[in-house]
Amino acid sequence: MRHTVTLHGVTVGHSELERVDQSLGRAWGVFRPGLGYELVQPIFKLFTLAVPTPGGEPLNQDALDRYYAARDRLGLELVDSTGTRIAATAIHIVDYSERTGTLELDVLIADERYWKTR
């Protein structure tokens, strides 16, 4: 099922969220940027500055703190293919596209309805 990330009604991108770990309330998958991704990309690049290796340890705590603060202020929303909003506690775009080509959407989903229909 196609999921869309929006920022105040602007499409940031899409993902099928192909992988899930329901016990953690986590879903993730390949991210396909939309026209609005350029509006938020600098914030997600802060994360790659803080954690330069995918899956690695943070090497720049200041950049990591700035990333979390900026990301949490964005107000990103996740909606399903019917346009229904899915309650998420965190929406993270993993953007190592310049280094490894990796571009993923990683979401912590708190919406019980989502897990019942998944």
N, C-alpha and C. Protein backbone atom coordinates (compact mmCIF):
# COMPACT_ATOMS: atom_id res chain seq x y z
N MET A 1 0.84 -1.17 0.00
CA MET A 1 0.00 0.00 0.00
C MET A 1 0.89 1.24 0.00
N ARG A 2 0.53 2.17 -0.82
CA ARG A 2 1.30 3.41 -0.93
C ARG A 2 0.99 4.33 0.26
N HIS A 3 2.07 4.85 0.86
CA HIS A 3 1.97 5.80 1.95
C HIS A 3 2.61 7.10 1.49
N THR A 4 2.02 8.22 1.88
CA THR A 4 2.52 9.52 1.48
C THR A 4 2.89 10.33 2.71
N VAL A 5 4.04 10.98 2.63
CA VAL A 5 4.47 11.90 3.68
C VAL A 5 4.16 13.30 3.16
N THR A 6 3.48 14.09 4.01
CA THR A 6 3.13 15.45 3.61
C THR A 6 3.64 16.46 4.64
N LEU A 7 3.83 17.66 4.17
CA LEU A 7 4.21 18.80 5.01
C LEU A 7 3.21 19.91 4.71
N HIS A 8 2.26 20.10 5.62
CA HIS A 8 1.23 21.13 5.44
C HIS A 8 0.55 21.02 4.07
N GLY A 9 0.21 19.77 3.70
CA GLY A 9 -0.49 19.52 2.45
C GLY A 9 0.39 19.34 1.22
N VAL A 10 1.68 19.58 1.35
CA VAL A 10 2.62 19.41 0.23
C VAL A 10 3.21 18.01 0.30
N THR A 11 3.21 17.29 -0.82
CA THR A 11 3.74 15.94 -0.86
C THR A 11 5.26 15.97 -0.79
N VAL A 12 5.79 15.34 0.26
CA VAL A 12 7.24 15.22 0.45
C VAL A 12 7.75 13.98 -0.27
N GLY A 13 6.95 12.91 -0.25
CA GLY A 13 7.34 11.68 -0.94
C GLY A 13 6.44 10.52 -0.59
N HIS A 14 6.81 9.35 -1.13
CA HIS A 14 5.98 8.15 -1.00
C HIS A 14 6.84 6.95 -0.63
N SER A 15 6.19 5.96 -0.01
CA SER A 15 6.82 4.67 0.26
C SER A 15 5.74 3.61 0.39
N GLU A 16 6.09 2.41 0.03
CA GLU A 16 5.20 1.27 0.24
C GLU A 16 5.35 0.73 1.66
N LEU A 17 6.36 1.19 2.41
CA LEU A 17 6.67 0.67 3.74
C LEU A 17 6.65 -0.86 3.71
N GLU A 18 7.55 -1.38 2.89
CA GLU A 18 7.58 -2.81 2.60
C GLU A 18 7.91 -3.68 3.81
N ARG A 19 8.61 -3.15 4.78
CA ARG A 19 9.04 -3.94 5.93
C ARG A 19 8.39 -3.40 7.20
N VAL A 20 8.05 -4.31 8.09
CA VAL A 20 7.42 -3.90 9.35
C VAL A 20 7.98 -4.72 10.52
N ASP A 21 7.96 -4.10 11.69
CA ASP A 21 8.19 -4.79 12.96
C ASP A 21 7.09 -4.30 13.87
N GLN A 22 5.98 -5.03 13.85
CA GLN A 22 4.79 -4.59 14.59
C GLN A 22 5.07 -4.49 16.08
N SER A 23 5.93 -5.36 16.61
CA SER A 23 6.23 -5.32 18.05
C SER A 23 6.85 -3.99 18.45
N LEU A 24 7.55 -3.33 17.52
CA LEU A 24 8.14 -2.02 17.78
C LEU A 24 7.27 -0.88 17.26
N GLY A 25 6.21 -1.23 16.52
CA GLY A 25 5.37 -0.21 15.90
C GLY A 25 6.10 0.50 14.77
N ARG A 26 6.99 -0.21 14.11
CA ARG A 26 7.87 0.39 13.11
C ARG A 26 7.58 -0.17 11.72
N ALA A 27 7.56 0.73 10.74
CA ALA A 27 7.43 0.33 9.33
C ALA A 27 8.43 1.15 8.53
N TRP A 28 9.05 0.53 7.53
CA TRP A 28 10.03 1.24 6.72
C TRP A 28 10.11 0.64 5.33
N GLY A 29 10.64 1.44 4.42
CA GLY A 29 10.79 0.98 3.05
C GLY A 29 11.42 2.04 2.18
N VAL A 30 11.56 1.72 0.91
CA VAL A 30 12.17 2.62 -0.06
C VAL A 30 11.35 3.91 -0.12
N PHE A 31 12.04 5.04 -0.13
CA PHE A 31 11.40 6.35 -0.19
C PHE A 31 11.58 6.94 -1.58
N ARG A 32 10.47 7.41 -2.14
CA ARG A 32 10.50 8.08 -3.44
C ARG A 32 10.14 9.54 -3.22
N PRO A 33 11.10 10.44 -3.37
CA PRO A 33 10.85 11.85 -3.09
C PRO A 33 9.81 12.46 -4.01
N GLY A 34 9.05 13.38 -3.45
CA GLY A 34 8.10 14.18 -4.21
C GLY A 34 8.66 15.58 -4.38
N LEU A 35 7.87 16.45 -4.98
CA LEU A 35 8.32 17.82 -5.23
C LEU A 35 8.66 18.56 -3.93
N GLY A 36 8.00 18.21 -2.83
CA GLY A 36 8.23 18.90 -1.57
C GLY A 36 9.44 18.40 -0.78
N TYR A 37 10.12 17.36 -1.28
CA TYR A 37 11.25 16.84 -0.51
C TYR A 37 12.36 17.88 -0.35
N GLU A 38 12.55 18.69 -1.36
CA GLU A 38 13.61 19.70 -1.27
C GLU A 38 13.38 20.67 -0.11
N LEU A 39 12.16 20.80 0.36
CA LEU A 39 11.86 21.67 1.49
C LEU A 39 12.39 21.13 2.81
N VAL A 40 12.46 19.80 2.92
CA VAL A 40 12.86 19.17 4.18
C VAL A 40 14.21 18.46 4.11
N GLN A 41 14.73 18.26 2.93
CA GLN A 41 15.97 17.50 2.77
C GLN A 41 17.12 18.02 3.63
N PRO A 42 17.32 19.34 3.75
CA PRO A 42 18.44 19.80 4.59
C PRO A 42 18.36 19.30 6.04
N ILE A 43 17.16 19.13 6.55
CA ILE A 43 17.00 18.63 7.92
C ILE A 43 17.44 17.18 8.00
N PHE A 44 17.05 16.37 7.02
CA PHE A 44 17.43 14.96 7.05
C PHE A 44 18.92 14.77 6.72
N LYS A 45 19.50 15.71 6.01
CA LYS A 45 20.95 15.67 5.77
C LYS A 45 21.72 15.94 7.07
N LEU A 46 21.12 16.68 8.01
CA LEU A 46 21.75 16.87 9.32
C LEU A 46 21.99 15.52 9.99
N PHE A 47 21.03 14.60 9.83
CA PHE A 47 21.20 13.28 10.42
C PHE A 47 22.41 12.57 9.83
N THR A 48 22.58 12.65 8.51
CA THR A 48 23.72 11.97 7.89
C THR A 48 25.04 12.64 8.26
N LEU A 49 25.00 13.90 8.62
CA LEU A 49 26.19 14.57 9.14
C LEU A 49 26.52 14.03 10.53
N ALA A 50 25.49 13.82 11.34
CA ALA A 50 25.68 13.31 12.70
C ALA A 50 26.05 11.84 12.72
N VAL A 51 25.45 11.07 11.81
CA VAL A 51 25.67 9.63 11.74
C VAL A 51 26.11 9.33 10.31
N PRO A 52 27.41 9.47 10.02
CA PRO A 52 27.87 9.40 8.64
C PRO A 52 27.81 8.01 7.99
N THR A 53 27.68 6.97 8.80
CA THR A 53 27.61 5.61 8.26
C THR A 53 26.25 5.01 8.56
N PRO A 54 25.53 4.52 7.55
CA PRO A 54 24.22 3.90 7.82
C PRO A 54 24.34 2.82 8.90
N GLY A 55 23.50 2.94 9.92
CA GLY A 55 23.52 1.98 11.01
C GLY A 55 24.64 2.21 12.01
N GLY A 56 25.43 3.26 11.79
CA GLY A 56 26.57 3.53 12.65
C GLY A 56 26.20 4.34 13.87
N GLU A 57 27.23 4.67 14.62
CA GLU A 57 27.08 5.47 15.83
C GLU A 57 27.16 6.95 15.50
N PRO A 58 26.46 7.79 16.28
CA PRO A 58 26.57 9.24 16.08
C PRO A 58 27.99 9.73 16.36
N LEU A 59 28.52 10.56 15.46
CA LEU A 59 29.85 11.13 15.63
C LEU A 59 29.78 12.63 15.90
N ASN A 60 28.60 13.21 15.74
CA ASN A 60 28.44 14.64 15.94
C ASN A 60 27.14 14.87 16.72
N GLN A 61 27.26 14.93 18.04
CA GLN A 61 26.07 15.04 18.89
C GLN A 61 25.32 16.34 18.67
N ASP A 62 26.04 17.43 18.41
CA ASP A 62 25.39 18.72 18.16
C ASP A 62 24.49 18.64 16.93
N ALA A 63 24.98 18.06 15.85
CA ALA A 63 24.18 17.90 14.63
C ALA A 63 22.99 16.99 14.88
N LEU A 64 23.18 15.95 15.67
CA LEU A 64 22.08 15.03 15.98
C LEU A 64 21.00 15.74 16.79
N ASP A 65 21.40 16.53 17.77
CA ASP A 65 20.43 17.28 18.57
C ASP A 65 19.66 18.28 17.71
N ARG A 66 20.37 18.97 16.81
CA ARG A 66 19.71 19.93 15.91
C ARG A 66 18.75 19.20 14.98
N TYR A 67 19.14 18.01 14.50
CA TYR A 67 18.29 17.22 13.62
C TYR A 67 16.97 16.88 14.32
N TYR A 68 17.06 16.29 15.53
CA TYR A 68 15.84 15.89 16.24
C TYR A 68 14.93 17.09 16.51
N ALA A 69 15.51 18.20 16.92
CA ALA A 69 14.71 19.40 17.20
C ALA A 69 14.02 19.91 15.93
N ALA A 70 14.75 19.97 14.83
CA ALA A 70 14.19 20.45 13.57
C ALA A 70 13.15 19.49 13.02
N ARG A 71 13.45 18.20 13.06
CA ARG A 71 12.49 17.20 12.55
C ARG A 71 11.19 17.24 13.33
N ASP A 72 11.29 17.35 14.64
CA ASP A 72 10.08 17.34 15.46
C ASP A 72 9.22 18.59 15.25
N ARG A 73 9.83 19.68 14.81
CA ARG A 73 9.08 20.92 14.53
C ARG A 73 8.43 20.92 13.15
N LEU A 74 8.85 20.02 12.27
CA LEU A 74 8.34 20.02 10.89
C LEU A 74 6.83 19.83 10.79
N GLY A 75 6.31 18.91 11.58
CA GLY A 75 4.88 18.61 11.47
C GLY A 75 4.55 17.72 10.28
N LEU A 76 5.46 16.81 9.95
CA LEU A 76 5.19 15.87 8.85
C LEU A 76 4.02 14.97 9.22
N GLU A 77 3.26 14.57 8.22
CA GLU A 77 2.16 13.64 8.42
C GLU A 77 2.29 12.47 7.45
N LEU A 78 1.78 11.33 7.87
CA LEU A 78 1.74 10.14 7.05
C LEU A 78 0.29 9.83 6.74
N VAL A 79 -0.02 9.64 5.46
CA VAL A 79 -1.38 9.28 5.05
C VAL A 79 -1.32 8.03 4.17
N ASP A 80 -2.40 7.24 4.22
CA ASP A 80 -2.43 6.03 3.39
C ASP A 80 -2.99 6.35 2.01
N SER A 81 -3.17 5.32 1.22
CA SER A 81 -3.60 5.51 -0.17
C SER A 81 -5.02 6.06 -0.29
N THR A 82 -5.81 5.99 0.79
CA THR A 82 -7.16 6.55 0.76
C THR A 82 -7.19 7.99 1.28
N GLY A 83 -6.02 8.48 1.71
CA GLY A 83 -5.94 9.84 2.26
C GLY A 83 -6.17 9.91 3.75
N THR A 84 -6.29 8.75 4.40
CA THR A 84 -6.50 8.70 5.84
C THR A 84 -5.18 8.93 6.57
N ARG A 85 -5.20 9.85 7.53
CA ARG A 85 -4.01 10.16 8.31
C ARG A 85 -3.70 8.98 9.24
N ILE A 86 -2.42 8.63 9.32
CA ILE A 86 -1.94 7.56 10.19
C ILE A 86 -1.11 8.22 11.29
N ALA A 87 -1.52 8.01 12.55
CA ALA A 87 -0.80 8.62 13.68
C ALA A 87 0.60 8.02 13.79
N ALA A 88 1.60 8.88 13.72
CA ALA A 88 2.99 8.45 13.81
C ALA A 88 3.70 9.27 14.89
N THR A 89 4.53 8.60 15.68
CA THR A 89 5.29 9.32 16.71
C THR A 89 6.61 9.85 16.16
N ALA A 90 7.09 9.28 15.07
CA ALA A 90 8.31 9.77 14.43
C ALA A 90 8.30 9.39 12.96
N ILE A 91 8.69 10.35 12.11
CA ILE A 91 8.84 10.11 10.68
C ILE A 91 10.25 10.53 10.32
N HIS A 92 11.03 9.55 9.86
CA HIS A 92 12.45 9.79 9.56
C HIS A 92 12.72 9.38 8.12
N ILE A 93 13.38 10.26 7.39
CA ILE A 93 13.80 9.93 6.02
C ILE A 93 15.31 9.71 6.07
N VAL A 94 15.70 8.48 5.78
CA VAL A 94 17.11 8.09 5.79
C VAL A 94 17.68 8.47 4.43
N ASP A 95 18.52 9.49 4.41
CA ASP A 95 19.02 10.01 3.13
C ASP A 95 20.54 9.92 3.04
N TYR A 96 21.00 8.74 2.65
CA TYR A 96 22.42 8.54 2.35
C TYR A 96 22.58 8.44 0.83
N SER A 97 21.70 9.12 0.11
CA SER A 97 21.64 9.00 -1.35
C SER A 97 22.95 9.40 -2.02
N GLU A 98 23.65 10.38 -1.50
CA GLU A 98 24.90 10.81 -2.12
C GLU A 98 26.04 9.82 -1.89
N ARG A 99 25.99 9.08 -0.79
CA ARG A 99 27.08 8.15 -0.45
C ARG A 99 26.81 6.73 -0.92
N THR A 100 25.60 6.24 -0.64
CA THR A 100 25.31 4.83 -0.91
C THR A 100 24.09 4.63 -1.81
N GLY A 101 23.39 5.70 -2.13
CA GLY A 101 22.17 5.58 -2.91
C GLY A 101 20.95 5.25 -2.07
N THR A 102 21.14 5.11 -0.75
CA THR A 102 20.04 4.75 0.14
C THR A 102 19.13 5.93 0.40
N LEU A 103 17.84 5.70 0.20
CA LEU A 103 16.81 6.69 0.50
C LEU A 103 15.61 5.90 1.00
N GLU A 104 15.36 5.95 2.31
CA GLU A 104 14.30 5.17 2.92
C GLU A 104 13.43 6.03 3.82
N LEU A 105 12.20 5.58 4.00
CA LEU A 105 11.30 6.18 4.96
C LEU A 105 11.19 5.22 6.13
N ASP A 106 11.34 5.73 7.35
CA ASP A 106 11.28 4.92 8.56
C ASP A 106 10.31 5.61 9.51
N VAL A 107 9.23 4.90 9.90
CA VAL A 107 8.16 5.52 10.67
C VAL A 107 7.83 4.69 11.89
N LEU A 108 7.65 5.37 13.02
CA LEU A 108 7.10 4.73 14.22
C LEU A 108 5.62 5.07 14.24
N ILE A 109 4.80 4.02 14.13
CA ILE A 109 3.35 4.20 13.97
C ILE A 109 2.63 3.82 15.25
N ALA A 110 1.92 4.80 15.80
CA ALA A 110 1.20 4.60 17.06
C ALA A 110 -0.28 4.30 16.82
N ASP A 111 -0.70 4.25 15.58
CA ASP A 111 -2.10 4.10 15.21
C ASP A 111 -2.50 2.62 15.22
N GLU A 112 -3.28 2.24 16.23
CA GLU A 112 -3.71 0.83 16.36
C GLU A 112 -4.51 0.37 15.14
N ARG A 113 -5.32 1.27 14.56
CA ARG A 113 -6.10 0.89 13.38
C ARG A 113 -5.20 0.45 12.24
N TYR A 114 -4.05 1.11 12.12
CA TYR A 114 -3.10 0.76 11.06
C TYR A 114 -2.65 -0.69 11.20
N TRP A 115 -2.29 -1.08 12.41
CA TRP A 115 -1.76 -2.42 12.61
C TRP A 115 -2.85 -3.49 12.47
N LYS A 116 -4.09 -3.14 12.72
CA LYS A 116 -5.18 -4.10 12.57
C LYS A 116 -5.47 -4.39 11.10
N THR A 117 -5.20 -3.41 10.23
CA THR A 117 -5.52 -3.59 8.82
C THR A 117 -4.29 -3.91 7.99
N ARG A 118 -3.14 -3.87 8.55
CA ARG A 118 -1.89 -4.11 7.81
C ARG A 118 -1.78 -5.55 7.41
